[in-house]
Amino acid sequence: MVTATLNPRRWWALGALVASMLTLGFDMTILNVALPTMAGDLGASTGQQQWMADAYVVVFAALMLPAGLLGDRFGRRRMLITGLGIFLAGSLVGALAGDVDWVVAARAFMGVGGALVTPLALSVLPSLFGPDERTKAVGIISAASALGLPLGPIIGGWLLGHFWWGSVFLVNVPMAALGIAACVFLLPETSDPASPKVGVLSTALTATGLGALIYAIIEAPDRGWSDPLVLVMFIVAVVLIAALVLRERRAERPMLDMTLLAHRGFLFNTLAATLVMFVLSGLLFVLPQYLQAVLGHDALGTGLRLLPMMGGLVIAARGAGPVVARFGSRAVVSAGLVVLAFAALLGSRTTVDSGYGFTALWLSITGLGFGFSVVPAMDGALGALPRDRAGSGSGLLMTLRQVGAAIGIALLGSLLSGVFRDRLDVTGLPAEAADTAGNSVVAAHIIAEKAHSAHLAASANGAYVHGMSVVLLVCGIAALVSALLAAALLPRGTAERRADSAEPDLVGAAEDA
């Protein structure tokens, strides 16, 4: 029987990928800490602050599909290095920017780099690791990405305490340079020169369609779901994505291979990973404001208090491989989602007087559920991909995950905002002050301090915790539904996963021969 030869430097190569993903990971959250300072120095309005954060997300999600295909065709290592170089250059522009427009442009440029790095870091894994090692490798990559969630506020809080706001961009430069060096010296080149060409029209439809969708999702909570601009952008997104699907189905060699979605292993593992990101985005959206505004911790303290989730995730990442081998991926993904649901439902019992100890408990359980559900799901999706479509398939996987996270933040954020405003007691406040206080718990505390109203501050805390509980309850229900879907629809387990991987391994063996 012909078998593929494993790369002897594969674990060193994984270190290069970890450095790349870690760079992107903490950049996703580090800017949020700096926004108040940047708003004061640059005179940014609330809408401008939102776009300083969101410009990256829109470009990042819109370009991941064509980015994966570029790696398939021109070399995944080459495109990884290119992506990190673009990210580094965008970080330099952001650090030196003198106005809001330049900051937004820098963030969008960084999104181009991030879109190249994320799917290609995953698409390299099937060519480096066999089915038995791939689960561990995916777990390490997932842990590196998630490590950035608490690292961002920690690093950002420390930098702002010692340097100017541009340092939150400048810190990316040595990290990206380290990732480039690691890729150059440690990562082997892999590609598929016979992959479909990157069609200009299909790329434009993909980027603009997904960009319009993400834009509408981001703007809807502030503008309202019935806002004409939001509705138009949703319609534009549907039309463009439908045009893309029709065009690709008729193409002889499509850029977006719809046959991937017909593969049960890829489709349902991708859906499971996307649903996990929907739930996790809701959890992580409500926590920082609770820790800072209600419990009174600063940015650095908030980042430190998110670390229990990392502890649970590290345990899950290390244990996912043996558990999947023993019980099968379907059972592990379903059980992980049940654990995630339990964590969210437990968190929904939080009160104003619960304190951090209770939060640390359910946050640790969240990390366990996240790790045991998303790692095997992503591993199963990657294992179902033929090697010659690893880049495009990984791009599709990561795009859907990003869209799932954006939808989670938009929908659950809108729910939180509505519940908070309804529960907040603004009796006795002037109309303008009452409207401002209803915008957020932070704004309510500012109004309470100016009005010397302890009652308003207490009402804001109570209203926010109630809104957070409702969001966590919805997250728990969504995770339970996802667990049922995973148990019913995912492939049965390791035997089928190995069968799925057989074709890619034989292809790789033939290429090696």
Protein backbone atom coordinates (compact mmCIF):
# COMPACT_ATOMS: atom_id res chain seq x y z
CA MET A 1 0.00 0.00 0.00
CA VAL A 2 1.34 3.44 -0.95
CA THR A 3 1.48 5.96 1.87
CA ALA A 4 2.46 9.58 1.99
CA THR A 5 5.83 10.53 3.47
CA LEU A 6 5.42 12.90 6.38
CA ASN A 7 7.59 16.00 6.38
CA PRO A 8 10.30 15.58 9.07
CA ARG A 9 10.15 19.30 9.86
CA ARG A 10 6.37 19.38 10.17
CA TRP A 11 6.28 20.39 13.85
CA TRP A 12 8.78 23.19 13.25
CA ALA A 13 6.65 24.25 10.30
CA LEU A 14 3.62 24.25 12.61
CA GLY A 15 5.55 26.70 14.81
CA ALA A 16 5.77 29.07 11.82
CA LEU A 17 2.02 28.82 11.33
CA VAL A 18 1.41 29.42 15.05
CA ALA A 19 3.52 32.60 14.91
CA SER A 20 1.44 33.79 11.95
CA MET A 21 -1.91 33.04 13.57
CA LEU A 22 -0.90 34.52 16.93
CA THR A 23 -0.02 37.79 15.19
CA LEU A 24 -3.50 38.00 13.72
CA GLY A 25 -5.18 36.68 16.86
CA PHE A 26 -4.39 39.44 19.31
CA ASP A 27 -4.78 42.16 16.68
CA MET A 28 -8.50 41.28 16.55
CA THR A 29 -9.03 42.60 20.09
CA ILE A 30 -6.09 44.90 20.86
CA LEU A 31 -7.56 47.86 18.97
CA ASN A 32 -10.74 47.91 21.05
CA VAL A 33 -8.70 48.87 24.10
CA ALA A 34 -7.11 51.80 22.27
CA LEU A 35 -10.28 53.23 20.68
CA PRO A 36 -11.18 55.66 23.51
CA THR A 37 -7.65 57.10 23.50
CA MET A 38 -7.57 57.30 19.69
CA ALA A 39 -10.99 58.98 19.64
CA GLY A 40 -9.71 61.73 21.93
CA ASP A 41 -6.44 62.28 20.03
CA LEU A 42 -7.94 62.07 16.52
CA GLY A 43 -11.36 63.61 17.26
CA ALA A 44 -13.18 60.49 16.01
CA SER A 45 -16.95 60.22 16.23
CA THR A 46 -18.70 57.05 17.37
CA GLY A 47 -19.29 55.96 13.77
CA GLN A 48 -15.65 56.57 12.89
CA GLN A 49 -14.52 54.53 15.88
CA GLN A 50 -16.73 51.68 14.69
CA TRP A 51 -15.14 51.71 11.26
CA MET A 52 -11.63 51.83 12.68
CA ALA A 53 -12.47 48.45 14.18
CA ASP A 54 -14.74 47.07 11.45
CA ALA A 55 -12.78 47.96 8.30
CA TYR A 56 -10.51 45.00 9.03
CA VAL A 57 -13.42 42.58 9.51
CA VAL A 58 -15.19 43.53 6.27
CA VAL A 59 -12.11 43.12 4.06
CA PHE A 60 -10.93 40.05 5.98
CA ALA A 61 -14.18 38.12 5.46
CA ALA A 62 -14.70 39.28 1.88
CA LEU A 63 -11.30 38.16 0.55
CA MET A 64 -10.70 34.81 2.25
CA LEU A 65 -12.22 32.69 -0.54
CA PRO A 66 -10.09 34.05 -3.40
CA ALA A 67 -7.07 34.17 -1.06
CA GLY A 68 -7.27 30.42 -0.49
CA LEU A 69 -7.35 29.77 -4.22
CA LEU A 70 -4.37 32.07 -4.79
CA GLY A 71 -2.39 29.89 -2.38
CA ASP A 72 -3.44 26.73 -4.20
CA ARG A 73 -2.29 28.13 -7.52
CA PHE A 74 0.83 30.19 -6.73
CA GLY A 75 2.17 28.50 -3.59
CA ARG A 76 0.81 28.56 -0.06
CA ARG A 77 4.08 29.53 1.61
CA ARG A 78 4.59 32.35 -0.91
CA MET A 79 1.10 33.71 -0.27
CA LEU A 80 1.49 33.34 3.51
CA ILE A 81 4.66 35.41 3.41
CA THR A 82 2.95 37.95 1.14
CA GLY A 83 0.02 38.19 3.54
CA LEU A 84 2.26 38.74 6.55
CA GLY A 85 4.20 41.39 4.59
CA ILE A 86 0.96 43.24 3.75
CA PHE A 87 -0.13 42.99 7.39
CA LEU A 88 3.24 44.39 8.52
CA ALA A 89 3.05 47.31 6.07
CA GLY A 90 -0.52 48.12 7.11
CA SER A 91 0.55 48.10 10.77
CA LEU A 92 3.30 50.64 10.03
CA VAL A 93 0.81 52.93 8.25
CA GLY A 94 -1.59 52.63 11.20
CA ALA A 95 1.13 53.49 13.72
CA LEU A 96 2.11 56.62 11.80
CA ALA A 97 -1.42 57.72 10.81
CA GLY A 98 -2.37 61.27 11.64
CA ASP A 99 -6.13 61.15 11.05
CA VAL A 100 -9.08 58.78 11.15
CA ASP A 101 -9.18 58.13 7.39
CA TRP A 102 -5.62 56.84 7.38
CA VAL A 103 -6.34 54.57 10.34
CA VAL A 104 -9.39 53.10 8.55
CA ALA A 105 -7.33 52.63 5.37
CA ALA A 106 -4.55 50.93 7.34
CA ARG A 107 -7.02 48.56 8.99
CA ALA A 108 -8.55 47.65 5.62
CA PHE A 109 -5.06 47.00 4.20
CA MET A 110 -4.27 44.79 7.20
CA GLY A 111 -7.49 42.91 6.43
CA VAL A 112 -6.06 41.97 3.02
CA GLY A 113 -3.03 40.46 4.75
CA GLY A 114 -5.16 38.66 7.31
CA ALA A 115 -7.33 37.18 4.55
CA LEU A 116 -4.25 35.68 2.91
CA VAL A 117 -2.79 34.27 6.12
CA THR A 118 -5.80 32.65 7.84
CA PRO A 119 -7.09 30.14 5.26
CA LEU A 120 -3.61 29.28 4.00
CA ALA A 121 -2.29 28.53 7.49
CA LEU A 122 -5.01 25.88 7.74
CA SER A 123 -4.70 24.61 4.15
CA VAL A 124 -1.05 23.67 4.74
CA LEU A 125 -1.97 21.22 7.53
CA PRO A 126 -3.29 18.32 5.39
CA SER A 127 -0.04 18.26 3.42
CA LEU A 128 2.10 18.28 6.58
CA PHE A 129 0.21 15.91 8.88
CA GLY A 130 -1.54 12.59 8.49
CA PRO A 131 -5.05 11.96 9.84
CA ASP A 132 -3.72 10.76 13.21
CA GLU A 133 -1.71 13.94 13.87
CA ARG A 134 -3.92 16.49 12.18
CA THR A 135 -6.36 16.81 15.10
CA LYS A 136 -3.50 17.80 17.41
CA ALA A 137 -2.16 20.27 14.83
CA VAL A 138 -5.59 21.87 14.36
CA GLY A 139 -5.90 22.11 18.16
CA ILE A 140 -2.58 23.93 18.41
CA ILE A 141 -3.56 26.35 15.62
CA SER A 142 -6.95 26.97 17.26
CA ALA A 143 -5.29 27.59 20.63
CA ALA A 144 -2.87 30.06 19.03
CA SER A 145 -5.78 31.96 17.45
CA ALA A 146 -7.83 31.98 20.65
CA LEU A 147 -4.82 33.02 22.76
CA GLY A 148 -5.06 36.38 21.06
CA LEU A 149 -8.48 37.06 22.61
CA PRO A 150 -7.14 37.68 26.13
CA LEU A 151 -3.68 38.74 24.91
CA GLY A 152 -5.10 41.68 22.96
CA PRO A 153 -6.53 43.58 25.97
CA ILE A 154 -3.54 42.60 28.14
CA ILE A 155 -0.93 43.85 25.66
CA GLY A 156 -3.05 46.84 24.62
CA GLY A 157 -3.65 47.90 28.23
CA TRP A 158 0.07 47.71 29.04
CA LEU A 159 1.13 49.59 25.89
CA LEU A 160 -1.35 52.41 26.46
CA GLY A 161 -0.04 52.77 29.99
CA HIS A 162 3.51 53.32 28.74
CA PHE A 163 3.34 54.60 25.13
CA TRP A 164 1.10 56.41 22.62
CA TRP A 165 -1.86 54.79 20.85
CA GLY A 166 0.17 54.00 17.72
CA SER A 167 2.07 51.38 19.72
CA VAL A 168 -0.92 49.00 19.40
CA PHE A 169 -0.15 48.93 15.67
CA LEU A 170 3.63 49.00 16.01
CA VAL A 171 3.67 45.86 18.18
CA ASN A 172 2.50 43.89 15.11
CA VAL A 173 5.71 44.67 13.22
CA PRO A 174 8.14 42.36 15.10
CA MET A 175 5.45 39.68 15.38
CA ALA A 176 4.79 39.73 11.63
CA ALA A 177 8.53 39.81 10.89
CA LEU A 178 9.00 36.75 13.12
CA GLY A 179 6.19 34.97 11.25
CA ILE A 180 7.78 35.80 7.88
CA ALA A 181 11.19 34.50 9.01
CA ALA A 182 9.64 31.31 10.38
CA CYS A 183 7.75 30.69 7.11
CA VAL A 184 10.86 31.31 5.01
CA PHE A 185 13.11 28.93 6.93
CA LEU A 186 10.72 26.29 8.28
CA LEU A 187 7.68 25.95 6.03
CA PRO A 188 7.85 23.81 2.87
CA GLU A 189 6.17 25.11 -0.28
CA THR A 190 2.95 23.37 -1.37
CA SER A 191 0.68 24.23 -4.27
CA ASP A 192 -1.54 22.87 -7.00
CA PRO A 193 -0.59 24.51 -10.32
CA ALA A 194 -3.55 22.81 -11.99
CA SER A 195 -6.07 24.54 -9.71
CA PRO A 196 -8.67 26.84 -11.31
CA LYS A 197 -7.59 30.32 -12.30
CA VAL A 198 -8.65 33.20 -10.09
CA GLY A 199 -11.43 34.73 -12.17
CA VAL A 200 -11.62 38.51 -11.92
CA LEU A 201 -15.42 38.60 -12.13
CA SER A 202 -15.90 35.73 -9.64
CA THR A 203 -13.44 37.36 -7.24
CA ALA A 204 -15.29 40.67 -7.55
CA LEU A 205 -18.65 38.98 -6.93
CA THR A 206 -17.24 37.13 -3.91
CA ALA A 207 -15.59 40.19 -2.37
CA THR A 208 -18.44 42.63 -2.98
CA GLY A 209 -21.18 40.13 -2.08
CA LEU A 210 -19.60 39.11 1.21
CA GLY A 211 -18.51 42.68 1.86
CA ALA A 212 -22.08 43.92 1.46
CA LEU A 213 -23.37 41.16 3.73
CA ILE A 214 -20.85 41.88 6.50
CA TYR A 215 -21.43 45.63 6.16
CA ALA A 216 -25.18 45.16 6.59
CA ILE A 217 -24.70 42.87 9.58
CA ILE A 218 -22.34 45.33 11.26
CA GLU A 219 -24.50 48.40 10.62
CA ALA A 220 -27.90 46.83 11.40
CA PRO A 221 -27.68 47.01 15.23
CA ASP A 222 -27.00 50.78 15.12
CA ARG A 223 -29.11 51.80 12.13
CA GLY A 224 -31.93 49.30 12.66
CA TRP A 225 -32.78 46.18 10.68
CA SER A 226 -35.41 48.09 8.65
CA ASP A 227 -33.05 50.94 7.73
CA PRO A 228 -33.13 51.51 3.92
CA LEU A 229 -29.33 51.29 3.59
CA VAL A 230 -29.21 48.04 5.57
CA LEU A 231 -32.03 46.52 3.49
CA VAL A 232 -30.38 47.60 0.23
CA MET A 233 -27.06 46.07 1.30
CA PHE A 234 -28.77 42.79 2.22
CA ILE A 235 -30.48 42.72 -1.18
CA VAL A 236 -27.21 43.54 -2.96
CA ALA A 237 -25.46 40.76 -1.04
CA VAL A 238 -28.13 38.19 -1.94
CA VAL A 239 -28.08 39.18 -5.63
CA LEU A 240 -24.27 39.14 -5.91
CA ILE A 241 -23.81 35.86 -4.04
CA ALA A 242 -26.59 34.24 -6.09
CA ALA A 243 -24.90 35.48 -9.28
CA LEU A 244 -21.62 34.00 -8.05
CA VAL A 245 -23.21 30.60 -7.36
CA LEU A 246 -24.92 30.50 -10.76
CA ARG A 247 -21.73 31.51 -12.55
CA GLU A 248 -19.59 28.97 -10.71
CA ARG A 249 -22.07 26.12 -11.28
CA ARG A 250 -21.87 26.70 -15.03
CA ALA A 251 -18.06 27.06 -15.14
CA GLU A 252 -16.02 24.12 -16.39
CA ARG A 253 -13.35 24.72 -13.74
CA PRO A 254 -15.04 26.87 -11.07
CA MET A 255 -13.17 29.07 -8.63
CA LEU A 256 -15.72 28.23 -5.93
CA ASP A 257 -16.08 24.46 -6.07
CA MET A 258 -19.70 23.81 -5.10
CA THR A 259 -19.01 20.07 -4.97
CA LEU A 260 -17.27 20.68 -1.62
CA LEU A 261 -20.63 21.59 -0.11
CA ALA A 262 -22.06 18.33 -1.45
CA HIS A 263 -19.51 16.40 0.64
CA ARG A 264 -21.24 15.52 3.89
CA GLY A 265 -18.05 15.54 5.96
CA PHE A 266 -17.01 19.02 4.83
CA LEU A 267 -20.48 20.60 4.84
CA PHE A 268 -21.69 19.57 8.29
CA ASN A 269 -18.33 19.94 10.05
CA THR A 270 -18.11 23.46 8.59
CA LEU A 271 -21.66 24.24 9.77
CA ALA A 272 -20.78 22.93 13.26
CA ALA A 273 -17.65 25.14 13.42
CA THR A 274 -19.69 28.13 12.20
CA LEU A 275 -22.39 27.62 14.83
CA VAL A 276 -19.71 27.36 17.52
CA MET A 277 -18.32 30.73 16.42
CA PHE A 278 -21.82 32.24 16.54
CA VAL A 279 -22.20 31.15 20.18
CA LEU A 280 -18.65 32.07 21.20
CA SER A 281 -18.89 35.53 19.64
CA GLY A 282 -21.94 36.22 21.82
CA LEU A 283 -20.09 35.14 24.96
CA LEU A 284 -17.04 37.24 24.18
CA PHE A 285 -19.10 40.26 23.16
CA VAL A 286 -20.85 40.63 26.51
CA LEU A 287 -17.94 39.79 28.83
CA PRO A 288 -15.52 42.74 28.40
CA GLN A 289 -18.20 45.35 29.11
CA TYR A 290 -19.39 43.35 32.14
CA LEU A 291 -15.85 43.06 33.53
CA GLN A 292 -15.01 46.73 32.91
CA ALA A 293 -18.25 48.66 33.47
CA VAL A 294 -20.01 46.49 36.06
CA LEU A 295 -17.12 44.94 37.99
CA GLY A 296 -14.86 47.98 37.53
CA HIS A 297 -11.68 46.38 36.10
CA ASP A 298 -9.38 48.22 33.70
CA ALA A 299 -8.38 46.98 30.22
CA LEU A 300 -5.36 45.05 31.49
CA GLY A 301 -7.35 43.47 34.31
CA THR A 302 -10.10 42.50 31.86
CA GLY A 303 -7.63 40.69 29.63
CA LEU A 304 -6.19 38.80 32.59
CA ARG A 305 -9.66 37.75 33.70
CA LEU A 306 -10.36 36.18 30.30
CA LEU A 307 -7.49 33.72 30.82
CA PRO A 308 -9.61 30.93 32.44
CA MET A 309 -11.16 30.36 29.02
CA MET A 310 -7.66 29.78 27.65
CA GLY A 311 -7.03 27.21 30.38
CA GLY A 312 -10.08 25.23 29.32
CA LEU A 313 -9.16 25.59 25.65
CA VAL A 314 -5.58 24.35 26.20
CA ILE A 315 -6.88 21.27 28.03
CA ALA A 316 -9.35 20.58 25.22
CA ALA A 317 -6.76 21.15 22.48
CA ARG A 318 -4.37 18.64 24.09
CA GLY A 319 -7.06 16.08 24.78
CA ALA A 320 -9.13 16.31 21.60
CA GLY A 321 -6.99 13.88 19.58
CA PRO A 322 -7.15 10.87 21.95
CA VAL A 323 -10.82 11.48 22.75
CA VAL A 324 -11.74 11.63 19.05
CA ALA A 325 -9.76 8.44 18.42
CA ARG A 326 -11.68 6.70 21.20
CA PHE A 327 -15.23 7.96 20.68
CA GLY A 328 -15.32 9.44 17.16
CA SER A 329 -15.57 13.05 16.03
CA ARG A 330 -19.39 13.17 15.93
CA ALA A 331 -19.68 12.21 19.60
CA VAL A 332 -16.93 14.64 20.67
CA VAL A 333 -18.29 17.61 18.68
CA SER A 334 -21.80 16.97 20.04
CA ALA A 335 -20.53 16.63 23.61
CA GLY A 336 -18.42 19.78 23.26
CA LEU A 337 -21.46 21.74 22.14
CA VAL A 338 -23.44 20.40 25.11
CA VAL A 339 -20.63 21.59 27.43
CA LEU A 340 -20.64 24.98 25.69
CA ALA A 341 -24.42 25.17 26.16
CA PHE A 342 -24.04 24.32 29.86
CA ALA A 343 -21.43 27.08 30.27
CA ALA A 344 -23.71 29.65 28.61
CA LEU A 345 -26.75 28.59 30.62
CA LEU A 346 -24.69 28.69 33.82
CA GLY A 347 -23.46 32.15 32.87
CA SER A 348 -27.04 33.29 32.34
CA ARG A 349 -27.51 32.88 36.12
CA THR A 350 -25.03 35.72 36.76
CA THR A 351 -26.28 38.54 38.97
CA VAL A 352 -24.82 41.93 39.85
CA ASP A 353 -23.50 40.47 43.12
CA SER A 354 -22.07 37.22 41.66
CA GLY A 355 -18.49 38.49 41.50
CA TYR A 356 -15.62 37.30 39.31
CA GLY A 357 -15.25 33.84 40.86
CA PHE A 358 -18.53 32.65 39.35
CA THR A 359 -17.56 34.16 35.98
CA ALA A 360 -14.19 32.38 36.05
CA LEU A 361 -15.99 29.07 36.63
CA TRP A 362 -18.30 29.22 33.62
CA LEU A 363 -15.60 30.85 31.49
CA SER A 364 -13.33 27.83 32.12
CA ILE A 365 -16.15 25.50 31.08
CA THR A 366 -16.64 27.64 27.97
CA GLY A 367 -13.03 27.01 26.95
CA LEU A 368 -13.50 23.25 27.36
CA GLY A 369 -16.68 23.24 25.27
CA PHE A 370 -15.16 25.45 22.60
CA GLY A 371 -12.05 23.31 22.26
CA PHE A 372 -13.81 19.93 22.20
CA SER A 373 -16.33 21.13 19.60
CA VAL A 374 -14.42 23.38 17.19
CA VAL A 375 -11.14 21.42 17.00
CA PRO A 376 -12.66 18.07 15.82
CA ALA A 377 -15.14 19.92 13.58
CA MET A 378 -12.39 21.85 11.79
CA ASP A 379 -10.23 18.74 11.63
CA GLY A 380 -13.12 16.80 10.05
CA ALA A 381 -13.74 19.56 7.50
CA LEU A 382 -10.04 19.76 6.57
CA GLY A 383 -9.77 15.97 6.41
CA ALA A 384 -12.62 15.84 3.88
CA LEU A 385 -10.74 18.10 1.45
CA PRO A 386 -8.66 16.69 -1.41
CA ARG A 387 -5.15 18.10 -1.23
CA ASP A 388 -5.49 19.93 -4.53
CA ARG A 389 -8.41 21.95 -3.12
CA ALA A 390 -7.06 22.54 0.38
CA GLY A 391 -6.65 26.29 -0.11
CA SER A 392 -10.06 27.01 -1.61
CA GLY A 393 -11.78 24.66 0.86
CA SER A 394 -10.01 26.23 3.85
CA GLY A 395 -10.94 29.67 2.56
CA LEU A 396 -14.59 28.65 2.39
CA LEU A 397 -14.39 27.16 5.92
CA MET A 398 -12.84 30.27 7.44
CA THR A 399 -15.17 32.62 5.53
CA LEU A 400 -18.25 30.86 6.90
CA ARG A 401 -16.77 30.91 10.43
CA GLN A 402 -16.11 34.65 10.14
CA VAL A 403 -19.61 35.31 8.83
CA GLY A 404 -20.99 33.22 11.72
CA ALA A 405 -19.07 35.34 14.22
CA ALA A 406 -20.22 38.59 12.60
CA ILE A 407 -23.85 37.46 12.65
CA GLY A 408 -23.48 36.44 16.29
CA ILE A 409 -22.12 39.84 17.29
CA ALA A 410 -24.75 41.71 15.28
CA LEU A 411 -27.80 39.73 16.38
CA LEU A 412 -26.79 39.20 20.00
CA GLY A 413 -25.47 42.75 20.31
CA SER A 414 -28.79 44.10 19.06
CA LEU A 415 -30.62 41.89 21.58
CA LEU A 416 -28.40 43.11 24.43
CA SER A 417 -28.88 46.75 23.43
CA GLY A 418 -32.67 46.41 23.30
CA VAL A 419 -32.96 44.66 26.67
CA PHE A 420 -30.58 47.14 28.32
CA ARG A 421 -32.51 50.16 27.07
CA ASP A 422 -35.86 48.69 28.14
CA ARG A 423 -34.65 47.84 31.67
CA LEU A 424 -32.68 51.02 32.36
CA ASP A 425 -34.48 53.39 34.75
CA VAL A 426 -33.92 56.94 33.48
CA THR A 427 -36.69 58.55 35.55
CA GLY A 428 -35.96 62.21 36.22
CA LEU A 429 -33.29 62.61 33.54
CA PRO A 430 -33.61 65.17 30.73
CA ALA A 431 -34.62 63.57 27.41
CA GLU A 432 -31.19 64.03 25.81
CA ALA A 433 -29.33 62.59 28.80
CA ALA A 434 -31.78 59.67 29.03
CA ASP A 435 -31.24 58.87 25.34
CA THR A 436 -27.46 58.97 25.75
CA ALA A 437 -27.56 56.76 28.86
CA GLY A 438 -29.54 54.15 26.93
CA ASN A 439 -26.78 53.75 24.33
CA SER A 440 -24.55 51.56 26.53
CA VAL A 441 -23.67 50.73 30.10
CA VAL A 442 -20.50 52.84 29.77
CA ALA A 443 -22.51 55.87 28.63
CA ALA A 444 -25.00 55.33 31.47
CA HIS A 445 -22.15 55.37 34.01
CA ILE A 446 -20.80 58.61 32.54
CA ILE A 447 -24.22 60.25 32.82
CA ALA A 448 -24.64 58.86 36.35
CA GLU A 449 -21.28 60.35 37.39
CA LYS A 450 -22.16 63.77 35.96
CA ALA A 451 -25.61 63.70 37.58
CA HIS A 452 -24.23 62.27 40.86
CA SER A 453 -26.90 59.57 40.61
CA ALA A 454 -26.03 56.33 42.39
CA HIS A 455 -29.48 55.03 41.46
CA LEU A 456 -28.76 55.39 37.72
CA ALA A 457 -25.40 53.61 38.06
CA ALA A 458 -27.03 50.73 39.96
CA SER A 459 -29.84 50.56 37.40
CA ALA A 460 -27.29 50.47 34.56
CA ASN A 461 -25.45 47.56 36.18
CA GLY A 462 -28.67 45.66 36.78
CA ALA A 463 -29.97 46.31 33.25
CA TYR A 464 -26.70 45.23 31.67
CA VAL A 465 -26.42 42.02 33.69
CA HIS A 466 -30.03 41.20 32.81
CA GLY A 467 -29.30 41.80 29.12
CA MET A 468 -26.16 39.68 29.36
CA SER A 469 -28.18 36.88 30.95
CA VAL A 470 -30.68 36.97 28.08
CA VAL A 471 -27.86 36.83 25.52
CA LEU A 472 -26.20 33.90 27.31
CA LEU A 473 -29.54 32.11 27.51
CA VAL A 474 -29.95 32.46 23.74
CA CYS A 475 -26.34 31.25 23.27
CA GLY A 476 -27.07 28.21 25.43
CA ILE A 477 -30.19 27.33 23.44
CA ALA A 478 -28.31 27.82 20.15
CA ALA A 479 -25.51 25.53 21.36
CA LEU A 480 -28.01 22.84 22.37
CA VAL A 481 -29.69 23.00 18.96
CA SER A 482 -26.25 22.80 17.33
CA ALA A 483 -25.44 19.73 19.44
CA LEU A 484 -28.59 17.99 18.23
CA LEU A 485 -27.80 18.85 14.62
CA ALA A 486 -24.22 17.61 15.04
CA ALA A 487 -25.38 14.32 16.56
CA ALA A 488 -27.85 13.78 13.71
CA LEU A 489 -25.87 14.98 10.69
CA LEU A 490 -22.11 14.69 11.24
CA PRO A 491 -20.24 11.66 9.86
CA ARG A 492 -20.15 8.79 12.31
CA GLY A 493 -16.55 8.96 13.50
CA THR A 494 -12.93 8.06 13.03
CA ALA A 495 -13.52 5.20 10.62
CA GLU A 496 -15.36 7.44 8.18
CA ARG A 497 -12.89 10.23 8.76
CA ARG A 498 -10.03 7.94 7.78
CA ALA A 499 -11.97 6.84 4.73
CA ASP A 500 -12.49 10.48 3.80
CA SER A 501 -8.77 11.09 4.18
CA ALA A 502 -7.75 8.11 2.09
CA GLU A 503 -8.15 9.88 -1.26
CA PRO A 504 -6.11 12.94 -0.26
CA ASP A 505 -3.33 10.73 1.15
CA LEU A 506 -3.14 8.67 -2.03
CA VAL A 507 -3.03 11.87 -4.09
CA GLY A 508 -0.20 13.16 -1.91
CA ALA A 509 1.65 9.85 -2.17
CA ALA A 510 1.40 9.92 -5.95
CA GLU A 511 2.74 13.48 -5.99
CA ASP A 512 5.65 12.49 -3.72
CA ALA A 513 6.43 9.53 -5.97
